ModelCIF file with pLDDT and N, C-alpha, C, O atoms, coordinates in Angstrom:
data_MODEL
#
_entry.id   MODEL 
#
_entity.id                         1 
_entity.type                       polymer 
_entity.pdbx_number_of_molecules   1 
#
_entity_poly.entity_id                      1 
_entity_poly.type                           'polypeptide(L)' 
_entity_poly.nstd_linkage                   no 
_entity_poly.nstd_monomer                   no 
_entity_poly.pdbx_seq_one_letter_code       MKIPVQLLLILCLFSCTHQSNQKDQVLEKLDDFIAHSDSSYSKPYY 
_entity_poly.pdbx_seq_one_letter_code_can   MKIPVQLLLILCLFSCTHQSNQKDQVLEKLDDFIAHSDSSYSKPYY 
_entity_poly.pdbx_strand_id                 A 
#
loop_
_entity_poly_seq.entity_id 
_entity_poly_seq.num 
_entity_poly_seq.mon_id 
_entity_poly_seq.hetero 
1 1  MET n 
1 2  LYS n 
1 3  ILE n 
1 4  PRO n 
1 5  VAL n 
1 6  GLN n 
1 7  LEU n 
1 8  LEU n 
1 9  LEU n 
1 10 ILE n 
1 11 LEU n 
1 12 CYS n 
1 13 LEU n 
1 14 PHE n 
1 15 SER n 
1 16 CYS n 
1 17 THR n 
1 18 HIS n 
1 19 GLN n 
1 20 SER n 
1 21 ASN n 
1 22 GLN n 
1 23 LYS n 
1 24 ASP n 
1 25 GLN n 
1 26 VAL n 
1 27 LEU n 
1 28 GLU n 
1 29 LYS n 
1 30 LEU n 
1 31 ASP n 
1 32 ASP n 
1 33 PHE n 
1 34 ILE n 
1 35 ALA n 
1 36 HIS n 
1 37 SER n 
1 38 ASP n 
1 39 SER n 
1 40 SER n 
1 41 TYR n 
1 42 SER n 
1 43 LYS n 
1 44 PRO n 
1 45 TYR n 
1 46 TYR n 
#
_struct_asym.id          A 
_struct_asym.entity_id   1 
#
loop_
_ma_qa_metric.id 
_ma_qa_metric.mode 
_ma_qa_metric.name 
_ma_qa_metric.software_group_id 
_ma_qa_metric.type 
1 global pLDDT . pLDDT 
2 local  pLDDT . pLDDT 
#
_ma_qa_metric_global.metric_id      1 
_ma_qa_metric_global.metric_value   64.96 
_ma_qa_metric_global.model_id       1 
_ma_qa_metric_global.ordinal_id     1 
#
loop_
_ma_qa_metric_local.label_asym_id 
_ma_qa_metric_local.label_comp_id 
_ma_qa_metric_local.label_seq_id 
_ma_qa_metric_local.metric_id 
_ma_qa_metric_local.metric_value 
_ma_qa_metric_local.model_id 
_ma_qa_metric_local.ordinal_id 
A MET 1  2 40.00 1 1  
A LYS 2  2 43.00 1 2  
A ILE 3  2 41.00 1 3  
A PRO 4  2 42.00 1 4  
A VAL 5  2 39.00 1 5  
A GLN 6  2 38.00 1 6  
A LEU 7  2 33.00 1 7  
A LEU 8  2 34.00 1 8  
A LEU 9  2 32.00 1 9  
A ILE 10 2 31.00 1 10 
A LEU 11 2 34.00 1 11 
A CYS 12 2 37.00 1 12 
A LEU 13 2 33.00 1 13 
A PHE 14 2 36.00 1 14 
A SER 15 2 38.00 1 15 
A CYS 16 2 44.00 1 16 
A THR 17 2 46.00 1 17 
A HIS 18 2 48.00 1 18 
A GLN 19 2 55.00 1 19 
A SER 20 2 62.00 1 20 
A ASN 21 2 71.00 1 21 
A GLN 22 2 74.00 1 22 
A LYS 23 2 75.00 1 23 
A ASP 24 2 78.00 1 24 
A GLN 25 2 79.00 1 25 
A VAL 26 2 80.00 1 26 
A LEU 27 2 78.00 1 27 
A GLU 28 2 84.00 1 28 
A LYS 29 2 82.00 1 29 
A LEU 30 2 85.00 1 30 
A ASP 31 2 86.00 1 31 
A ASP 32 2 87.00 1 32 
A PHE 33 2 87.00 1 33 
A ILE 34 2 88.00 1 34 
A ALA 35 2 89.00 1 35 
A HIS 36 2 87.00 1 36 
A SER 37 2 90.00 1 37 
A ASP 38 2 90.00 1 38 
A SER 39 2 91.00 1 39 
A SER 40 2 91.00 1 40 
A TYR 41 2 89.00 1 41 
A SER 42 2 90.00 1 42 
A LYS 43 2 88.00 1 43 
A PRO 44 2 87.00 1 44 
A TYR 45 2 80.00 1 45 
A TYR 46 2 76.00 1 46 
#
loop_
_atom_site.group_PDB 
_atom_site.id 
_atom_site.type_symbol 
_atom_site.label_atom_id 
_atom_site.label_alt_id 
_atom_site.label_comp_id 
_atom_site.label_asym_id 
_atom_site.label_entity_id 
_atom_site.label_seq_id 
_atom_site.pdbx_PDB_ins_code 
_atom_site.Cartn_x 
_atom_site.Cartn_y 
_atom_site.Cartn_z 
_atom_site.occupancy 
_atom_site.B_iso_or_equiv 
_atom_site.pdbx_formal_charge 
_atom_site.auth_seq_id 
_atom_site.auth_comp_id 
_atom_site.auth_asym_id 
_atom_site.auth_atom_id 
_atom_site.pdbx_PDB_model_num 
ATOM 1   N N  . MET A 1 1  ? 2.064   3.037   -10.287 1.00 40.00 ? 1  MET A N  1 
ATOM 2   C CA . MET A 1 1  ? 0.944   3.105   -9.308  1.00 40.00 ? 1  MET A CA 1 
ATOM 3   C C  . MET A 1 1  ? 1.795   2.510   -8.035  1.00 40.00 ? 1  MET A C  1 
ATOM 4   O O  . MET A 1 1  ? 1.340   2.767   -6.921  1.00 40.00 ? 1  MET A O  1 
ATOM 5   N N  . LYS A 1 2  ? 2.972   1.750   -8.122  1.00 43.00 ? 2  LYS A N  1 
ATOM 6   C CA . LYS A 1 2  ? 3.716   1.179   -6.739  1.00 43.00 ? 2  LYS A CA 1 
ATOM 7   C C  . LYS A 1 2  ? 4.421   2.186   -6.262  1.00 43.00 ? 2  LYS A C  1 
ATOM 8   O O  . LYS A 1 2  ? 4.914   2.031   -5.144  1.00 43.00 ? 2  LYS A O  1 
ATOM 9   N N  . ILE A 1 3  ? 4.584   3.115   -6.786  1.00 41.00 ? 3  ILE A N  1 
ATOM 10  C CA . ILE A 1 3  ? 5.592   4.342   -6.032  1.00 41.00 ? 3  ILE A CA 1 
ATOM 11  C C  . ILE A 1 3  ? 4.447   4.844   -4.896  1.00 41.00 ? 3  ILE A C  1 
ATOM 12  O O  . ILE A 1 3  ? 4.727   4.534   -3.738  1.00 41.00 ? 3  ILE A O  1 
ATOM 13  N N  . PRO A 1 4  ? 3.445   5.435   -5.060  1.00 42.00 ? 4  PRO A N  1 
ATOM 14  C CA . PRO A 1 4  ? 2.820   5.867   -3.997  1.00 42.00 ? 4  PRO A CA 1 
ATOM 15  C C  . PRO A 1 4  ? 2.632   4.869   -2.624  1.00 42.00 ? 4  PRO A C  1 
ATOM 16  O O  . PRO A 1 4  ? 2.690   5.356   -1.495  1.00 42.00 ? 4  PRO A O  1 
ATOM 17  N N  . VAL A 1 5  ? 2.371   3.244   -2.886  1.00 39.00 ? 5  VAL A N  1 
ATOM 18  C CA . VAL A 1 5  ? 2.693   2.201   -2.210  1.00 39.00 ? 5  VAL A CA 1 
ATOM 19  C C  . VAL A 1 5  ? 3.948   2.402   -1.426  1.00 39.00 ? 5  VAL A C  1 
ATOM 20  O O  . VAL A 1 5  ? 4.010   2.467   -0.199  1.00 39.00 ? 5  VAL A O  1 
ATOM 21  N N  . GLN A 1 6  ? 4.704   2.471   -2.065  1.00 38.00 ? 6  GLN A N  1 
ATOM 22  C CA . GLN A 1 6  ? 6.096   2.361   -1.415  1.00 38.00 ? 6  GLN A CA 1 
ATOM 23  C C  . GLN A 1 6  ? 6.572   3.542   -0.617  1.00 38.00 ? 6  GLN A C  1 
ATOM 24  O O  . GLN A 1 6  ? 7.386   3.550   0.307   1.00 38.00 ? 6  GLN A O  1 
ATOM 25  N N  . LEU A 1 7  ? 5.806   4.687   -1.234  1.00 33.00 ? 7  LEU A N  1 
ATOM 26  C CA . LEU A 1 7  ? 5.981   5.706   -0.165  1.00 33.00 ? 7  LEU A CA 1 
ATOM 27  C C  . LEU A 1 7  ? 5.299   5.757   0.948   1.00 33.00 ? 7  LEU A C  1 
ATOM 28  O O  . LEU A 1 7  ? 5.701   6.531   1.817   1.00 33.00 ? 7  LEU A O  1 
ATOM 29  N N  . LEU A 1 8  ? 4.128   4.961   1.187   1.00 34.00 ? 8  LEU A N  1 
ATOM 30  C CA . LEU A 1 8  ? 3.289   4.786   2.242   1.00 34.00 ? 8  LEU A CA 1 
ATOM 31  C C  . LEU A 1 8  ? 4.312   4.062   3.152   1.00 34.00 ? 8  LEU A C  1 
ATOM 32  O O  . LEU A 1 8  ? 4.664   4.401   4.282   1.00 34.00 ? 8  LEU A O  1 
ATOM 33  N N  . LEU A 1 9  ? 4.787   2.807   2.298   1.00 32.00 ? 9  LEU A N  1 
ATOM 34  C CA . LEU A 1 9  ? 5.774   1.979   3.394   1.00 32.00 ? 9  LEU A CA 1 
ATOM 35  C C  . LEU A 1 9  ? 6.651   2.591   4.045   1.00 32.00 ? 9  LEU A C  1 
ATOM 36  O O  . LEU A 1 9  ? 6.933   2.201   5.178   1.00 32.00 ? 9  LEU A O  1 
ATOM 37  N N  . ILE A 1 10 ? 7.398   3.888   3.377   1.00 31.00 ? 10 ILE A N  1 
ATOM 38  C CA . ILE A 1 10 ? 8.324   4.394   4.109   1.00 31.00 ? 10 ILE A CA 1 
ATOM 39  C C  . ILE A 1 10 ? 7.724   5.130   5.271   1.00 31.00 ? 10 ILE A C  1 
ATOM 40  O O  . ILE A 1 10 ? 8.224   5.092   6.396   1.00 31.00 ? 10 ILE A O  1 
ATOM 41  N N  . LEU A 1 11 ? 6.796   5.704   5.014   1.00 34.00 ? 11 LEU A N  1 
ATOM 42  C CA . LEU A 1 11 ? 5.791   6.625   6.244   1.00 34.00 ? 11 LEU A CA 1 
ATOM 43  C C  . LEU A 1 11 ? 5.790   5.582   7.562   1.00 34.00 ? 11 LEU A C  1 
ATOM 44  O O  . LEU A 1 11 ? 6.118   5.800   8.728   1.00 34.00 ? 11 LEU A O  1 
ATOM 45  N N  . CYS A 1 12 ? 5.292   4.368   6.916   1.00 37.00 ? 12 CYS A N  1 
ATOM 46  C CA . CYS A 1 12 ? 5.044   3.482   8.045   1.00 37.00 ? 12 CYS A CA 1 
ATOM 47  C C  . CYS A 1 12 ? 6.401   2.932   8.913   1.00 37.00 ? 12 CYS A C  1 
ATOM 48  O O  . CYS A 1 12 ? 6.282   2.371   10.003  1.00 37.00 ? 12 CYS A O  1 
ATOM 49  N N  . LEU A 1 13 ? 7.664   3.175   8.274   1.00 33.00 ? 13 LEU A N  1 
ATOM 50  C CA . LEU A 1 13 ? 8.748   2.991   8.977   1.00 33.00 ? 13 LEU A CA 1 
ATOM 51  C C  . LEU A 1 13 ? 8.839   4.133   10.276  1.00 33.00 ? 13 LEU A C  1 
ATOM 52  O O  . LEU A 1 13 ? 9.263   3.760   11.370  1.00 33.00 ? 13 LEU A O  1 
ATOM 53  N N  . PHE A 1 14 ? 8.494   5.253   10.094  1.00 36.00 ? 14 PHE A N  1 
ATOM 54  C CA . PHE A 1 14 ? 8.284   6.407   10.884  1.00 36.00 ? 14 PHE A CA 1 
ATOM 55  C C  . PHE A 1 14 ? 7.596   6.566   11.817  1.00 36.00 ? 14 PHE A C  1 
ATOM 56  O O  . PHE A 1 14 ? 7.714   7.409   12.707  1.00 36.00 ? 14 PHE A O  1 
ATOM 57  N N  . SER A 1 15 ? 6.462   5.396   11.626  1.00 38.00 ? 15 SER A N  1 
ATOM 58  C CA . SER A 1 15 ? 5.182   5.797   12.597  1.00 38.00 ? 15 SER A CA 1 
ATOM 59  C C  . SER A 1 15 ? 5.324   5.189   13.862  1.00 38.00 ? 15 SER A C  1 
ATOM 60  O O  . SER A 1 15 ? 6.457   4.913   14.257  1.00 38.00 ? 15 SER A O  1 
ATOM 61  N N  . CYS A 1 16 ? 4.262   4.924   14.601  1.00 44.00 ? 16 CYS A N  1 
ATOM 62  C CA . CYS A 1 16 ? 4.438   4.136   15.958  1.00 44.00 ? 16 CYS A CA 1 
ATOM 63  C C  . CYS A 1 16 ? 4.755   2.675   15.861  1.00 44.00 ? 16 CYS A C  1 
ATOM 64  O O  . CYS A 1 16 ? 4.067   2.114   15.008  1.00 44.00 ? 16 CYS A O  1 
ATOM 65  N N  . THR A 1 17 ? 5.440   2.044   16.372  1.00 46.00 ? 17 THR A N  1 
ATOM 66  C CA . THR A 1 17 ? 6.141   0.510   16.432  1.00 46.00 ? 17 THR A CA 1 
ATOM 67  C C  . THR A 1 17 ? 4.529   -0.287  16.374  1.00 46.00 ? 17 THR A C  1 
ATOM 68  O O  . THR A 1 17 ? 4.132   -1.054  15.497  1.00 46.00 ? 17 THR A O  1 
ATOM 69  N N  . HIS A 1 18 ? 3.837   0.147   17.522  1.00 48.00 ? 18 HIS A N  1 
ATOM 70  C CA . HIS A 1 18 ? 2.695   -0.984  18.014  1.00 48.00 ? 18 HIS A CA 1 
ATOM 71  C C  . HIS A 1 18 ? 1.819   -1.016  16.640  1.00 48.00 ? 18 HIS A C  1 
ATOM 72  O O  . HIS A 1 18 ? 1.308   -2.107  16.386  1.00 48.00 ? 18 HIS A O  1 
ATOM 73  N N  . GLN A 1 19 ? 1.581   0.066   15.711  1.00 55.00 ? 19 GLN A N  1 
ATOM 74  C CA . GLN A 1 19 ? 0.769   0.037   14.827  1.00 55.00 ? 19 GLN A CA 1 
ATOM 75  C C  . GLN A 1 19 ? 1.573   -0.582  13.685  1.00 55.00 ? 19 GLN A C  1 
ATOM 76  O O  . GLN A 1 19 ? 0.869   -1.228  12.909  1.00 55.00 ? 19 GLN A O  1 
ATOM 77  N N  . SER A 1 20 ? 2.691   -0.549  13.433  1.00 62.00 ? 20 SER A N  1 
ATOM 78  C CA . SER A 1 20 ? 3.521   -0.458  12.265  1.00 62.00 ? 20 SER A CA 1 
ATOM 79  C C  . SER A 1 20 ? 3.238   -2.097  11.361  1.00 62.00 ? 20 SER A C  1 
ATOM 80  O O  . SER A 1 20 ? 3.244   -2.214  10.135  1.00 62.00 ? 20 SER A O  1 
ATOM 81  N N  . ASN A 1 21 ? 3.024   -3.146  12.298  1.00 71.00 ? 21 ASN A N  1 
ATOM 82  C CA . ASN A 1 21 ? 2.793   -4.416  11.785  1.00 71.00 ? 21 ASN A CA 1 
ATOM 83  C C  . ASN A 1 21 ? 1.437   -4.503  11.260  1.00 71.00 ? 21 ASN A C  1 
ATOM 84  O O  . ASN A 1 21 ? 1.198   -5.356  10.405  1.00 71.00 ? 21 ASN A O  1 
ATOM 85  N N  . GLN A 1 22 ? 0.637   -3.818  11.621  1.00 74.00 ? 22 GLN A N  1 
ATOM 86  C CA . GLN A 1 22 ? -0.676  -4.038  10.850  1.00 74.00 ? 22 GLN A CA 1 
ATOM 87  C C  . GLN A 1 22 ? -0.607  -2.997  9.489   1.00 74.00 ? 22 GLN A C  1 
ATOM 88  O O  . GLN A 1 22 ? -1.233  -3.249  8.459   1.00 74.00 ? 22 GLN A O  1 
ATOM 89  N N  . LYS A 1 23 ? 0.013   -2.131  9.608   1.00 75.00 ? 23 LYS A N  1 
ATOM 90  C CA . LYS A 1 23 ? 0.062   -1.178  8.427   1.00 75.00 ? 23 LYS A CA 1 
ATOM 91  C C  . LYS A 1 23 ? 0.829   -1.724  7.363   1.00 75.00 ? 23 LYS A C  1 
ATOM 92  O O  . LYS A 1 23 ? 0.689   -1.485  6.164   1.00 75.00 ? 23 LYS A O  1 
ATOM 93  N N  . ASP A 1 24 ? 1.818   -2.631  8.016   1.00 78.00 ? 24 ASP A N  1 
ATOM 94  C CA . ASP A 1 24 ? 2.721   -3.517  7.050   1.00 78.00 ? 24 ASP A CA 1 
ATOM 95  C C  . ASP A 1 24 ? 2.019   -4.766  6.348   1.00 78.00 ? 24 ASP A C  1 
ATOM 96  O O  . ASP A 1 24 ? 2.331   -5.217  5.246   1.00 78.00 ? 24 ASP A O  1 
ATOM 97  N N  . GLN A 1 25 ? 1.238   -5.137  6.999   1.00 79.00 ? 25 GLN A N  1 
ATOM 98  C CA . GLN A 1 25 ? 0.280   -6.184  6.469   1.00 79.00 ? 25 GLN A CA 1 
ATOM 99  C C  . GLN A 1 25 ? -0.839  -5.592  5.430   1.00 79.00 ? 25 GLN A C  1 
ATOM 100 O O  . GLN A 1 25 ? -1.298  -6.303  4.536   1.00 79.00 ? 25 GLN A O  1 
ATOM 101 N N  . VAL A 1 26 ? -1.221  -4.292  5.614   1.00 80.00 ? 26 VAL A N  1 
ATOM 102 C CA . VAL A 1 26 ? -2.028  -3.948  4.654   1.00 80.00 ? 26 VAL A CA 1 
ATOM 103 C C  . VAL A 1 26 ? -1.453  -3.574  3.429   1.00 80.00 ? 26 VAL A C  1 
ATOM 104 O O  . VAL A 1 26 ? -2.045  -3.785  2.371   1.00 80.00 ? 26 VAL A O  1 
ATOM 105 N N  . LEU A 1 27 ? -0.116  -2.923  3.490   1.00 78.00 ? 27 LEU A N  1 
ATOM 106 C CA . LEU A 1 27 ? 0.721   -2.923  2.061   1.00 78.00 ? 27 LEU A CA 1 
ATOM 107 C C  . LEU A 1 27 ? 0.923   -4.000  1.458   1.00 78.00 ? 27 LEU A C  1 
ATOM 108 O O  . LEU A 1 27 ? 0.991   -4.061  0.230   1.00 78.00 ? 27 LEU A O  1 
ATOM 109 N N  . GLU A 1 28 ? 1.036   -4.901  2.161   1.00 84.00 ? 28 GLU A N  1 
ATOM 110 C CA . GLU A 1 28 ? 1.495   -6.469  1.547   1.00 84.00 ? 28 GLU A CA 1 
ATOM 111 C C  . GLU A 1 28 ? 0.598   -6.875  0.832   1.00 84.00 ? 28 GLU A C  1 
ATOM 112 O O  . GLU A 1 28 ? 0.630   -7.230  -0.346  1.00 84.00 ? 28 GLU A O  1 
ATOM 113 N N  . LYS A 1 29 ? -0.570  -6.803  1.854   1.00 82.00 ? 29 LYS A N  1 
ATOM 114 C CA . LYS A 1 29 ? -1.918  -7.388  0.719   1.00 82.00 ? 29 LYS A CA 1 
ATOM 115 C C  . LYS A 1 29 ? -1.810  -6.621  -0.394  1.00 82.00 ? 29 LYS A C  1 
ATOM 116 O O  . LYS A 1 29 ? -1.442  -7.139  -1.448  1.00 82.00 ? 29 LYS A O  1 
ATOM 117 N N  . LEU A 1 30 ? -2.172  -5.028  -0.297  1.00 85.00 ? 30 LEU A N  1 
ATOM 118 C CA . LEU A 1 30 ? -2.100  -4.454  -1.677  1.00 85.00 ? 30 LEU A CA 1 
ATOM 119 C C  . LEU A 1 30 ? -1.307  -4.480  -2.596  1.00 85.00 ? 30 LEU A C  1 
ATOM 120 O O  . LEU A 1 30 ? -1.715  -4.222  -3.728  1.00 85.00 ? 30 LEU A O  1 
ATOM 121 N N  . ASP A 1 31 ? 0.220   -4.841  -2.339  1.00 86.00 ? 31 ASP A N  1 
ATOM 122 C CA . ASP A 1 31 ? 1.090   -5.036  -3.214  1.00 86.00 ? 31 ASP A CA 1 
ATOM 123 C C  . ASP A 1 31 ? 0.913   -6.343  -3.748  1.00 86.00 ? 31 ASP A C  1 
ATOM 124 O O  . ASP A 1 31 ? 1.116   -6.487  -4.953  1.00 86.00 ? 31 ASP A O  1 
ATOM 125 N N  . ASP A 1 32 ? 0.604   -7.223  -3.129  1.00 87.00 ? 32 ASP A N  1 
ATOM 126 C CA . ASP A 1 32 ? 0.012   -8.477  -3.690  1.00 87.00 ? 32 ASP A CA 1 
ATOM 127 C C  . ASP A 1 32 ? -1.049  -8.721  -4.662  1.00 87.00 ? 32 ASP A C  1 
ATOM 128 O O  . ASP A 1 32 ? -0.996  -9.475  -5.633  1.00 87.00 ? 32 ASP A O  1 
ATOM 129 N N  . PHE A 1 33 ? -2.008  -7.996  -4.285  1.00 87.00 ? 33 PHE A N  1 
ATOM 130 C CA . PHE A 1 33 ? -3.268  -7.877  -5.234  1.00 87.00 ? 33 PHE A CA 1 
ATOM 131 C C  . PHE A 1 33 ? -3.084  -7.322  -6.514  1.00 87.00 ? 33 PHE A C  1 
ATOM 132 O O  . PHE A 1 33 ? -3.611  -7.672  -7.570  1.00 87.00 ? 33 PHE A O  1 
ATOM 133 N N  . ILE A 1 34 ? -1.948  -6.049  -6.219  1.00 88.00 ? 34 ILE A N  1 
ATOM 134 C CA . ILE A 1 34 ? -1.897  -5.208  -7.503  1.00 88.00 ? 34 ILE A CA 1 
ATOM 135 C C  . ILE A 1 34 ? -0.934  -6.160  -8.543  1.00 88.00 ? 34 ILE A C  1 
ATOM 136 O O  . ILE A 1 34 ? -1.126  -6.290  -9.751  1.00 88.00 ? 34 ILE A O  1 
ATOM 137 N N  . ALA A 1 35 ? 0.004   -6.701  -7.852  1.00 89.00 ? 35 ALA A N  1 
ATOM 138 C CA . ALA A 1 35 ? 1.025   -7.515  -8.410  1.00 89.00 ? 35 ALA A CA 1 
ATOM 139 C C  . ALA A 1 35 ? 0.169   -8.661  -9.464  1.00 89.00 ? 35 ALA A C  1 
ATOM 140 O O  . ALA A 1 35 ? 0.423   -8.820  -10.658 1.00 89.00 ? 35 ALA A O  1 
ATOM 141 N N  . HIS A 1 36 ? -0.799  -9.326  -8.744  1.00 87.00 ? 36 HIS A N  1 
ATOM 142 C CA . HIS A 1 36 ? -1.319  -10.321 -9.531  1.00 87.00 ? 36 HIS A CA 1 
ATOM 143 C C  . HIS A 1 36 ? -2.833  -10.247 -10.134 1.00 87.00 ? 36 HIS A C  1 
ATOM 144 O O  . HIS A 1 36 ? -3.557  -11.225 -10.319 1.00 87.00 ? 36 HIS A O  1 
ATOM 145 N N  . SER A 1 37 ? -3.225  -8.628  -10.453 1.00 90.00 ? 37 SER A N  1 
ATOM 146 C CA . SER A 1 37 ? -4.262  -8.183  -10.941 1.00 90.00 ? 37 SER A CA 1 
ATOM 147 C C  . SER A 1 37 ? -4.302  -8.451  -12.621 1.00 90.00 ? 37 SER A C  1 
ATOM 148 O O  . SER A 1 37 ? -3.271  -8.586  -13.279 1.00 90.00 ? 37 SER A O  1 
ATOM 149 N N  . ASP A 1 38 ? -5.257  -8.489  -13.025 1.00 90.00 ? 38 ASP A N  1 
ATOM 150 C CA . ASP A 1 38 ? -5.200  -8.818  -14.851 1.00 90.00 ? 38 ASP A CA 1 
ATOM 151 C C  . ASP A 1 38 ? -5.438  -7.340  -15.601 1.00 90.00 ? 38 ASP A C  1 
ATOM 152 O O  . ASP A 1 38 ? -4.900  -7.058  -16.672 1.00 90.00 ? 38 ASP A O  1 
ATOM 153 N N  . SER A 1 39 ? -6.284  -6.487  -14.905 1.00 91.00 ? 39 SER A N  1 
ATOM 154 C CA . SER A 1 39 ? -5.970  -5.155  -15.525 1.00 91.00 ? 39 SER A CA 1 
ATOM 155 C C  . SER A 1 39 ? -6.507  -4.082  -14.280 1.00 91.00 ? 39 SER A C  1 
ATOM 156 O O  . SER A 1 39 ? -6.852  -4.376  -13.135 1.00 91.00 ? 39 SER A O  1 
ATOM 157 N N  . SER A 1 40 ? -6.461  -3.067  -14.777 1.00 91.00 ? 40 SER A N  1 
ATOM 158 C CA . SER A 1 40 ? -6.530  -1.801  -13.761 1.00 91.00 ? 40 SER A CA 1 
ATOM 159 C C  . SER A 1 40 ? -7.233  -0.377  -14.518 1.00 91.00 ? 40 SER A C  1 
ATOM 160 O O  . SER A 1 40 ? -7.207  -0.182  -15.734 1.00 91.00 ? 40 SER A O  1 
ATOM 161 N N  . TYR A 1 41 ? -7.808  0.476   -13.586 1.00 89.00 ? 41 TYR A N  1 
ATOM 162 C CA . TYR A 1 41 ? -8.401  1.708   -14.167 1.00 89.00 ? 41 TYR A CA 1 
ATOM 163 C C  . TYR A 1 41 ? -8.362  2.630   -13.025 1.00 89.00 ? 41 TYR A C  1 
ATOM 164 O O  . TYR A 1 41 ? -8.449  2.164   -11.889 1.00 89.00 ? 41 TYR A O  1 
ATOM 165 N N  . SER A 1 42 ? -8.244  3.850   -13.209 1.00 90.00 ? 42 SER A N  1 
ATOM 166 C CA . SER A 1 42 ? -8.828  4.899   -12.390 1.00 90.00 ? 42 SER A CA 1 
ATOM 167 C C  . SER A 1 42 ? -9.349  5.920   -12.641 1.00 90.00 ? 42 SER A C  1 
ATOM 168 O O  . SER A 1 42 ? -8.934  6.504   -13.642 1.00 90.00 ? 42 SER A O  1 
ATOM 169 N N  . LYS A 1 43 ? -10.308 6.465   -11.953 1.00 88.00 ? 43 LYS A N  1 
ATOM 170 C CA . LYS A 1 43 ? -11.237 7.426   -12.433 1.00 88.00 ? 43 LYS A CA 1 
ATOM 171 C C  . LYS A 1 43 ? -11.474 8.666   -11.124 1.00 88.00 ? 43 LYS A C  1 
ATOM 172 O O  . LYS A 1 43 ? -11.365 8.451   -9.917  1.00 88.00 ? 43 LYS A O  1 
ATOM 173 N N  . PRO A 1 44 ? -11.801 9.902   -11.750 1.00 87.00 ? 44 PRO A N  1 
ATOM 174 C CA . PRO A 1 44 ? -11.809 10.738  -10.491 1.00 87.00 ? 44 PRO A CA 1 
ATOM 175 C C  . PRO A 1 44 ? -13.285 10.108  -9.632  1.00 87.00 ? 44 PRO A C  1 
ATOM 176 O O  . PRO A 1 44 ? -14.118 9.288   -10.018 1.00 87.00 ? 44 PRO A O  1 
ATOM 177 N N  . TYR A 1 45 ? -13.193 10.784  -8.490  1.00 80.00 ? 45 TYR A N  1 
ATOM 178 C CA . TYR A 1 45 ? -14.254 10.465  -7.578  1.00 80.00 ? 45 TYR A CA 1 
ATOM 179 C C  . TYR A 1 45 ? -14.481 11.685  -6.713  1.00 80.00 ? 45 TYR A C  1 
ATOM 180 O O  . TYR A 1 45 ? -13.629 12.438  -6.243  1.00 80.00 ? 45 TYR A O  1 
ATOM 181 N N  . TYR A 1 46 ? -15.898 11.738  -6.587  1.00 76.00 ? 46 TYR A N  1 
ATOM 182 C CA . TYR A 1 46 ? -16.343 13.209  -6.290  1.00 76.00 ? 46 TYR A CA 1 
ATOM 183 C C  . TYR A 1 46 ? -16.721 13.196  -4.880  1.00 76.00 ? 46 TYR A C  1 
ATOM 184 O O  . TYR A 1 46 ? -17.123 14.226  -4.339  1.00 76.00 ? 46 TYR A O  1 
#
């Protein structure tokens, strides 16, 4: 599951610099939450 997040991080490096800090913060928060989660599941969303 961390592969898409890392891919998004790579995309952030090529985006506008004035926005990259906010995106990095979002991805760090997401990575941190996933790393400390007890369980996870996925489902289709319509």
